[in-house]
Amino acid sequence: MQEILNEMIREQVDKIMSYKSVSDSKKVDRLLELNSNQYTKLGIDSTKTQKSKVKATSKYIFRAIKKLDESFGRLLLIDAQN
């Protein structure tokens, strides 16, 4: 189930990135919202595997943000390493 959710989030990221009529800042906002939503769906009963998959998807989102805003994306990726 988590695997399907992660794939759906990645598809949403790709879709957001392809928007032509949306500003980069709005794209970043939507990507950050996606990221926060996936973390809110984790619970105390989530496994290590589920948590690591969410973290990997988060990095995917941050790399997309880096394409839109180099410095902000880089900061997010550095923070994700910790």
N, C-alpha and C. Protein backbone atom coordinates (compact mmCIF):
# COMPACT_ATOMS: atom_id res chain seq x y z
N MET A 1 0.82 -1.19 0.00
CA MET A 1 0.00 0.00 0.00
C MET A 1 0.87 1.26 0.00
N GLN A 2 1.85 1.30 0.87
CA GLN A 2 2.75 2.46 0.95
C GLN A 2 3.49 2.66 -0.37
N GLU A 3 3.85 1.56 -0.99
CA GLU A 3 4.56 1.61 -2.27
C GLU A 3 3.71 2.33 -3.32
N ILE A 4 2.42 2.02 -3.35
CA ILE A 4 1.50 2.66 -4.30
C ILE A 4 1.38 4.15 -4.00
N LEU A 5 1.29 4.51 -2.71
CA LEU A 5 1.20 5.91 -2.34
C LEU A 5 2.44 6.69 -2.76
N ASN A 6 3.61 6.10 -2.55
CA ASN A 6 4.84 6.76 -2.94
C ASN A 6 4.89 6.98 -4.45
N GLU A 7 4.44 6.00 -5.23
CA GLU A 7 4.43 6.13 -6.68
C GLU A 7 3.43 7.20 -7.11
N MET A 8 2.30 7.26 -6.43
CA MET A 8 1.30 8.28 -6.75
C MET A 8 1.85 9.68 -6.45
N ILE A 9 2.57 9.82 -5.37
CA ILE A 9 3.16 11.11 -5.03
C ILE A 9 4.19 11.51 -6.08
N ARG A 10 5.01 10.57 -6.50
CA ARG A 10 6.00 10.86 -7.55
C ARG A 10 5.32 11.29 -8.85
N GLU A 11 4.21 10.67 -9.18
CA GLU A 11 3.45 11.07 -10.37
C GLU A 11 2.89 12.48 -10.21
N GLN A 12 2.42 12.80 -9.00
CA GLN A 12 1.91 14.14 -8.74
C GLN A 12 3.03 15.18 -8.86
N VAL A 13 4.21 14.83 -8.37
CA VAL A 13 5.35 15.73 -8.47
C VAL A 13 5.65 16.01 -9.95
N ASP A 14 5.70 14.96 -10.74
CA ASP A 14 5.98 15.13 -12.17
C ASP A 14 4.90 15.97 -12.85
N LYS A 15 3.67 15.77 -12.44
CA LYS A 15 2.56 16.54 -13.02
C LYS A 15 2.69 18.02 -12.66
N ILE A 16 2.96 18.30 -11.39
CA ILE A 16 3.14 19.69 -10.95
C ILE A 16 4.28 20.34 -11.70
N MET A 17 5.37 19.62 -11.87
CA MET A 17 6.54 20.17 -12.57
C MET A 17 6.23 20.48 -14.04
N SER A 18 5.26 19.80 -14.62
CA SER A 18 4.95 20.00 -16.04
C SER A 18 3.99 21.16 -16.29
N TYR A 19 3.40 21.72 -15.24
CA TYR A 19 2.47 22.84 -15.42
C TYR A 19 3.18 24.02 -16.06
N LYS A 20 2.56 24.57 -17.08
CA LYS A 20 3.13 25.73 -17.78
C LYS A 20 2.59 27.05 -17.24
N SER A 21 1.34 27.05 -16.77
CA SER A 21 0.71 28.29 -16.36
C SER A 21 0.81 28.58 -14.86
N VAL A 22 1.58 27.77 -14.15
CA VAL A 22 1.74 27.95 -12.71
C VAL A 22 3.15 28.47 -12.44
N SER A 23 3.24 29.49 -11.59
CA SER A 23 4.55 30.07 -11.27
C SER A 23 5.39 29.07 -10.49
N ASP A 24 6.69 29.28 -10.54
CA ASP A 24 7.61 28.40 -9.82
C ASP A 24 7.34 28.42 -8.32
N SER A 25 7.01 29.59 -7.77
CA SER A 25 6.76 29.66 -6.33
C SER A 25 5.50 28.87 -5.96
N LYS A 26 4.49 28.89 -6.81
CA LYS A 26 3.28 28.10 -6.55
C LYS A 26 3.58 26.60 -6.66
N LYS A 27 4.45 26.24 -7.61
CA LYS A 27 4.86 24.84 -7.73
C LYS A 27 5.58 24.39 -6.47
N VAL A 28 6.47 25.22 -5.97
CA VAL A 28 7.20 24.89 -4.74
C VAL A 28 6.21 24.71 -3.59
N ASP A 29 5.23 25.62 -3.49
CA ASP A 29 4.21 25.51 -2.44
C ASP A 29 3.47 24.18 -2.53
N ARG A 30 3.07 23.80 -3.73
CA ARG A 30 2.34 22.55 -3.91
C ARG A 30 3.21 21.34 -3.59
N LEU A 31 4.47 21.42 -3.97
CA LEU A 31 5.39 20.31 -3.68
C LEU A 31 5.62 20.17 -2.18
N LEU A 32 5.78 21.28 -1.49
CA LEU A 32 5.95 21.23 -0.03
C LEU A 32 4.69 20.71 0.65
N GLU A 33 3.53 21.04 0.10
CA GLU A 33 2.28 20.52 0.65
C GLU A 33 2.21 19.00 0.48
N LEU A 34 2.62 18.51 -0.70
CA LEU A 34 2.67 17.06 -0.92
C LEU A 34 3.58 16.40 0.10
N ASN A 35 4.72 17.01 0.32
CA ASN A 35 5.69 16.46 1.26
C ASN A 35 5.12 16.40 2.67
N SER A 36 4.49 17.48 3.10
CA SER A 36 3.94 17.48 4.46
C SER A 36 2.79 16.48 4.59
N ASN A 37 2.00 16.33 3.54
CA ASN A 37 0.89 15.37 3.60
C ASN A 37 1.38 13.94 3.78
N GLN A 38 2.46 13.60 3.11
CA GLN A 38 2.95 12.22 3.25
C GLN A 38 3.47 11.97 4.66
N TYR A 39 4.07 12.97 5.28
CA TYR A 39 4.57 12.79 6.65
C TYR A 39 3.42 12.74 7.66
N THR A 40 2.33 13.46 7.39
CA THR A 40 1.21 13.42 8.33
C THR A 40 0.50 12.08 8.29
N LYS A 41 0.66 11.34 7.21
CA LYS A 41 0.04 10.01 7.11
C LYS A 41 0.85 8.93 7.83
N LEU A 42 2.07 9.26 8.21
CA LEU A 42 2.86 8.32 9.01
C LEU A 42 2.35 8.35 10.44
N GLY A 43 2.37 7.23 11.08
CA GLY A 43 1.92 7.18 12.47
C GLY A 43 2.96 6.50 13.34
N ILE A 44 2.64 6.36 14.60
CA ILE A 44 3.59 5.73 15.51
C ILE A 44 3.71 4.24 15.22
N ASP A 45 2.74 3.72 14.49
CA ASP A 45 2.78 2.30 14.14
C ASP A 45 3.45 2.05 12.79
N SER A 46 3.97 3.10 12.16
CA SER A 46 4.65 2.94 10.86
C SER A 46 5.97 2.20 11.03
N THR A 47 6.26 1.35 10.07
CA THR A 47 7.50 0.57 10.13
C THR A 47 8.68 1.41 9.67
N LYS A 48 9.88 0.92 9.94
CA LYS A 48 11.10 1.60 9.47
C LYS A 48 11.10 1.67 7.95
N THR A 49 10.63 0.61 7.31
CA THR A 49 10.59 0.56 5.85
C THR A 49 9.67 1.65 5.32
N GLN A 50 8.51 1.81 5.91
CA GLN A 50 7.58 2.85 5.47
C GLN A 50 8.20 4.23 5.65
N LYS A 51 8.84 4.43 6.78
CA LYS A 51 9.47 5.73 7.05
C LYS A 51 10.59 6.01 6.07
N SER A 52 11.38 5.01 5.73
CA SER A 52 12.48 5.23 4.79
C SER A 52 11.97 5.50 3.38
N LYS A 53 10.84 4.88 3.01
CA LYS A 53 10.26 5.14 1.69
C LYS A 53 9.71 6.56 1.61
N VAL A 54 9.11 7.02 2.69
CA VAL A 54 8.61 8.40 2.73
C VAL A 54 9.79 9.37 2.63
N LYS A 55 10.87 9.05 3.31
CA LYS A 55 12.06 9.91 3.25
C LYS A 55 12.63 9.94 1.83
N ALA A 56 12.64 8.80 1.14
CA ALA A 56 13.13 8.75 -0.24
C ALA A 56 12.24 9.57 -1.16
N THR A 57 10.94 9.48 -0.95
CA THR A 57 10.01 10.27 -1.75
C THR A 57 10.19 11.76 -1.45
N SER A 58 10.46 12.07 -0.21
CA SER A 58 10.72 13.45 0.19
C SER A 58 11.93 14.00 -0.56
N LYS A 59 12.98 13.21 -0.67
CA LYS A 59 14.18 13.65 -1.40
C LYS A 59 13.85 13.86 -2.87
N TYR A 60 12.99 13.02 -3.42
CA TYR A 60 12.55 13.19 -4.81
C TYR A 60 11.85 14.55 -4.97
N ILE A 61 11.01 14.87 -4.02
CA ILE A 61 10.31 16.17 -4.04
C ILE A 61 11.32 17.31 -3.92
N PHE A 62 12.29 17.16 -3.03
CA PHE A 62 13.28 18.22 -2.83
C PHE A 62 14.16 18.42 -4.08
N ARG A 63 14.45 17.33 -4.79
CA ARG A 63 15.22 17.48 -6.03
C ARG A 63 14.40 18.23 -7.08
N ALA A 64 13.10 18.02 -7.10
CA ALA A 64 12.22 18.76 -8.01
C ALA A 64 12.21 20.24 -7.62
N ILE A 65 12.14 20.51 -6.33
CA ILE A 65 12.17 21.90 -5.85
C ILE A 65 13.49 22.56 -6.24
N LYS A 66 14.57 21.81 -6.17
CA LYS A 66 15.89 22.34 -6.52
C LYS A 66 15.93 22.80 -7.98
N LYS A 67 15.17 22.14 -8.84
CA LYS A 67 15.10 22.56 -10.25
C LYS A 67 14.41 23.91 -10.39
N LEU A 68 13.52 24.22 -9.46
CA LEU A 68 12.78 25.48 -9.51
C LEU A 68 13.49 26.59 -8.74
N ASP A 69 14.09 26.23 -7.62
CA ASP A 69 14.77 27.20 -6.75
C ASP A 69 16.04 26.51 -6.22
N GLU A 70 17.13 26.76 -6.89
CA GLU A 70 18.40 26.06 -6.63
C GLU A 70 18.82 26.13 -5.16
N SER A 71 18.87 27.33 -4.59
CA SER A 71 19.40 27.46 -3.22
C SER A 71 18.46 26.84 -2.19
N PHE A 72 17.16 27.06 -2.32
CA PHE A 72 16.21 26.50 -1.38
C PHE A 72 16.20 24.97 -1.47
N GLY A 73 16.20 24.46 -2.68
CA GLY A 73 16.22 23.02 -2.88
C GLY A 73 17.46 22.38 -2.29
N ARG A 74 18.60 23.04 -2.45
CA ARG A 74 19.85 22.53 -1.90
C ARG A 74 19.78 22.47 -0.38
N LEU A 75 19.22 23.50 0.23
CA LEU A 75 19.07 23.51 1.69
C LEU A 75 18.16 22.38 2.17
N LEU A 76 17.08 22.14 1.45
CA LEU A 76 16.17 21.06 1.82
C LEU A 76 16.87 19.71 1.72
N LEU A 77 17.66 19.51 0.68
CA LEU A 77 18.36 18.25 0.50
C LEU A 77 19.43 18.04 1.57
N ILE A 78 20.10 19.12 1.94
CA ILE A 78 21.11 19.01 3.01
C ILE A 78 20.43 18.63 4.31
N ASP A 79 19.29 19.27 4.59
CA ASP A 79 18.56 18.95 5.82
C ASP A 79 18.03 17.52 5.80
N ALA A 80 17.66 17.03 4.64
CA ALA A 80 17.13 15.66 4.52
C ALA A 80 18.20 14.60 4.78
N GLN A 81 19.47 14.98 4.65
CA GLN A 81 20.56 14.04 4.88
C GLN A 81 20.71 13.72 6.37
N ASN A 82 20.24 14.63 7.20
CA ASN A 82 20.39 14.45 8.66
C ASN A 82 19.31 13.60 9.24
